[in-house]
Amino acid sequence: ASLYGEKFAVNSAHHQSVGRVGEGLKVIQRAEDGVIEALCHESLPVYSVQWHPERMCLKHAREDTVDGGLLFHWFIGRIAD
């Protein structure tokens, strides 16, 4: 939400998705249809997204989605912490 706001468009088009959330993980993003799009761990620096930010930045930037590069910059910032 701090990068893109509460609601934003991504390029998720998977035929599989998370069915059960593992111990210590929490859902931080869902698609409108309820599919889990992002998870994080409650205490460890573990994060995941179900969509493809690499297909939404630089030469692959799209007008119908957010800039995936912002997420990569955020991840890089976690390395420096």
C-alpha atoms as a PDB file:
ATOM      1  CA  ALA A   1       0.000   0.000   0.000  1.00  0.00           C
ATOM      2  CA  SER A   2       2.872   2.400   0.720  1.00  0.00           C
ATOM      3  CA  LEU A   3       4.258   1.898  -2.806  1.00  0.00           C
ATOM      4  CA  TYR A   4       1.125   1.799  -4.929  1.00  0.00           C
ATOM      5  CA  GLY A   5      -1.861   2.681  -2.767  1.00  0.00           C
ATOM      6  CA  GLU A   6      -4.653   0.468  -1.483  1.00  0.00           C
ATOM      7  CA  LYS A   7      -5.858  -0.677  -4.915  1.00  0.00           C
ATOM      8  CA  PHE A   8      -3.759  -1.016  -8.061  1.00  0.00           C
ATOM      9  CA  ALA A   9      -3.537  -3.024 -11.274  1.00  0.00           C
ATOM     10  CA  VAL A  10      -0.967  -5.788 -11.770  1.00  0.00           C
ATOM     11  CA  ASN A  11      -0.404  -8.420 -14.453  1.00  0.00           C
ATOM     12  CA  SER A  12      -1.416 -11.546 -12.563  1.00  0.00           C
ATOM     13  CA  ALA A  13      -2.628 -14.308 -14.860  1.00  0.00           C
ATOM     14  CA  HIS A  14      -1.710 -17.517 -13.084  1.00  0.00           C
ATOM     15  CA  HIS A  15      -3.396 -20.874 -13.352  1.00  0.00           C
ATOM     16  CA  GLN A  16      -2.271 -21.702  -9.796  1.00  0.00           C
ATOM     17  CA  SER A  17      -2.204 -19.680  -6.602  1.00  0.00           C
ATOM     18  CA  VAL A  18      -1.672 -20.019  -2.875  1.00  0.00           C
ATOM     19  CA  GLY A  19      -4.319 -22.264  -1.355  1.00  0.00           C
ATOM     20  CA  ARG A  20      -3.193 -22.440   2.274  1.00  0.00           C
ATOM     21  CA  VAL A  21      -0.983 -19.859   3.948  1.00  0.00           C
ATOM     22  CA  GLY A  22       1.984 -21.390   5.776  1.00  0.00           C
ATOM     23  CA  GLU A  23       2.785 -20.894   9.440  1.00  0.00           C
ATOM     24  CA  GLY A  24       4.149 -17.436  10.194  1.00  0.00           C
ATOM     25  CA  LEU A  25       3.007 -15.975   6.866  1.00  0.00           C
ATOM     26  CA  LYS A  26       0.307 -13.373   6.449  1.00  0.00           C
ATOM     27  CA  VAL A  27      -1.604 -12.206   3.387  1.00  0.00           C
ATOM     28  CA  ILE A  28      -0.909  -8.579   2.523  1.00  0.00           C
ATOM     29  CA  GLN A  29      -2.546  -8.339  -0.900  1.00  0.00           C
ATOM     30  CA  ARG A  30      -5.491 -10.009  -2.623  1.00  0.00           C
ATOM     31  CA  ALA A  31      -6.992  -9.667  -6.064  1.00  0.00           C
ATOM     32  CA  GLU A  32     -10.633  -8.651  -6.370  1.00  0.00           C
ATOM     33  CA  ASP A  33     -11.544 -12.324  -6.860  1.00  0.00           C
ATOM     34  CA  GLY A  34      -9.847 -13.259  -3.562  1.00  0.00           C
ATOM     35  CA  VAL A  35      -6.671 -14.783  -5.023  1.00  0.00           C
ATOM     36  CA  ILE A  36      -3.674 -14.109  -2.786  1.00  0.00           C
ATOM     37  CA  GLU A  37      -1.244 -11.811  -4.609  1.00  0.00           C
ATOM     38  CA  ALA A  38       1.322 -11.063  -1.863  1.00  0.00           C
ATOM     39  CA  LEU A  39       2.542 -12.536   1.427  1.00  0.00           C
ATOM     40  CA  CYS A  40       5.038 -11.612   4.110  1.00  0.00           C
ATOM     41  CA  HIS A  41       6.406 -13.378   7.157  1.00  0.00           C
ATOM     42  CA  GLU A  42       5.342 -12.103  10.568  1.00  0.00           C
ATOM     43  CA  SER A  43       8.914 -11.817  11.916  1.00  0.00           C
ATOM     44  CA  LEU A  44      11.432 -12.785   9.212  1.00  0.00           C
ATOM     45  CA  PRO A  45      12.386 -10.700   6.154  1.00  0.00           C
ATOM     46  CA  VAL A  46      10.437 -12.968   3.779  1.00  0.00           C
ATOM     47  CA  TYR A  47       8.197 -11.414   1.132  1.00  0.00           C
ATOM     48  CA  SER A  48       6.480 -12.741  -1.978  1.00  0.00           C
ATOM     49  CA  VAL A  49       4.283 -11.566  -4.801  1.00  0.00           C
ATOM     50  CA  GLN A  50       2.210 -13.705  -7.148  1.00  0.00           C
ATOM     51  CA  TRP A  51       2.419 -11.208 -10.004  1.00  0.00           C
ATOM     52  CA  HIS A  52       5.311 -10.234 -12.297  1.00  0.00           C
ATOM     53  CA  PRO A  53       6.869  -6.816 -11.553  1.00  0.00           C
ATOM     54  CA  GLU A  54       9.732  -7.630 -13.970  1.00  0.00           C
ATOM     55  CA  ARG A  55       7.172  -7.455 -16.788  1.00  0.00           C
ATOM     56  CA  MET A  56       5.959  -4.047 -15.617  1.00  0.00           C
ATOM     57  CA  CYS A  57       9.099  -1.884 -15.686  1.00  0.00           C
ATOM     58  CA  LEU A  58      11.828  -0.485 -17.921  1.00  0.00           C
ATOM     59  CA  LYS A  59      11.245  -1.576 -21.541  1.00  0.00           C
ATOM     60  CA  HIS A  60       8.284  -3.695 -20.364  1.00  0.00           C
ATOM     61  CA  ALA A  61       6.459  -0.802 -18.673  1.00  0.00           C
ATOM     62  CA  ARG A  62       2.735  -0.851 -19.281  1.00  0.00           C
ATOM     63  CA  GLU A  63       0.147   1.903 -19.115  1.00  0.00           C
ATOM     64  CA  ASP A  64      -2.458  -0.456 -17.621  1.00  0.00           C
ATOM     65  CA  THR A  65      -0.372  -1.471 -14.558  1.00  0.00           C
ATOM     66  CA  VAL A  66       1.771   0.146 -11.904  1.00  0.00           C
ATOM     67  CA  ASP A  67       5.555   0.499 -12.320  1.00  0.00           C
ATOM     68  CA  GLY A  68       7.044  -2.812 -11.164  1.00  0.00           C
ATOM     69  CA  GLY A  69      10.406  -1.092 -10.700  1.00  0.00           C
ATOM     70  CA  LEU A  70       9.191   0.488  -7.468  1.00  0.00           C
ATOM     71  CA  LEU A  71       8.919  -2.970  -5.914  1.00  0.00           C
ATOM     72  CA  PHE A  72      12.467  -3.865  -6.975  1.00  0.00           C
ATOM     73  CA  HIS A  73      13.771  -0.643  -5.407  1.00  0.00           C
ATOM     74  CA  TRP A  74      11.888  -1.507  -2.222  1.00  0.00           C
ATOM     75  CA  PHE A  75      13.475  -4.988  -2.117  1.00  0.00           C
ATOM     76  CA  ILE A  76      16.937  -3.524  -2.694  1.00  0.00           C
ATOM     77  CA  GLY A  77      16.322  -1.152   0.199  1.00  0.00           C
ATOM     78  CA  ARG A  78      15.650  -4.131   2.482  1.00  0.00           C
ATOM     79  CA  ILE A  79      19.117  -5.500   1.660  1.00  0.00           C
ATOM     80  CA  ALA A  80      20.703  -2.252   2.846  1.00  0.00           C
ATOM     81  CA  ASP A  81      18.774  -2.330   6.168  1.00  0.00           C
END
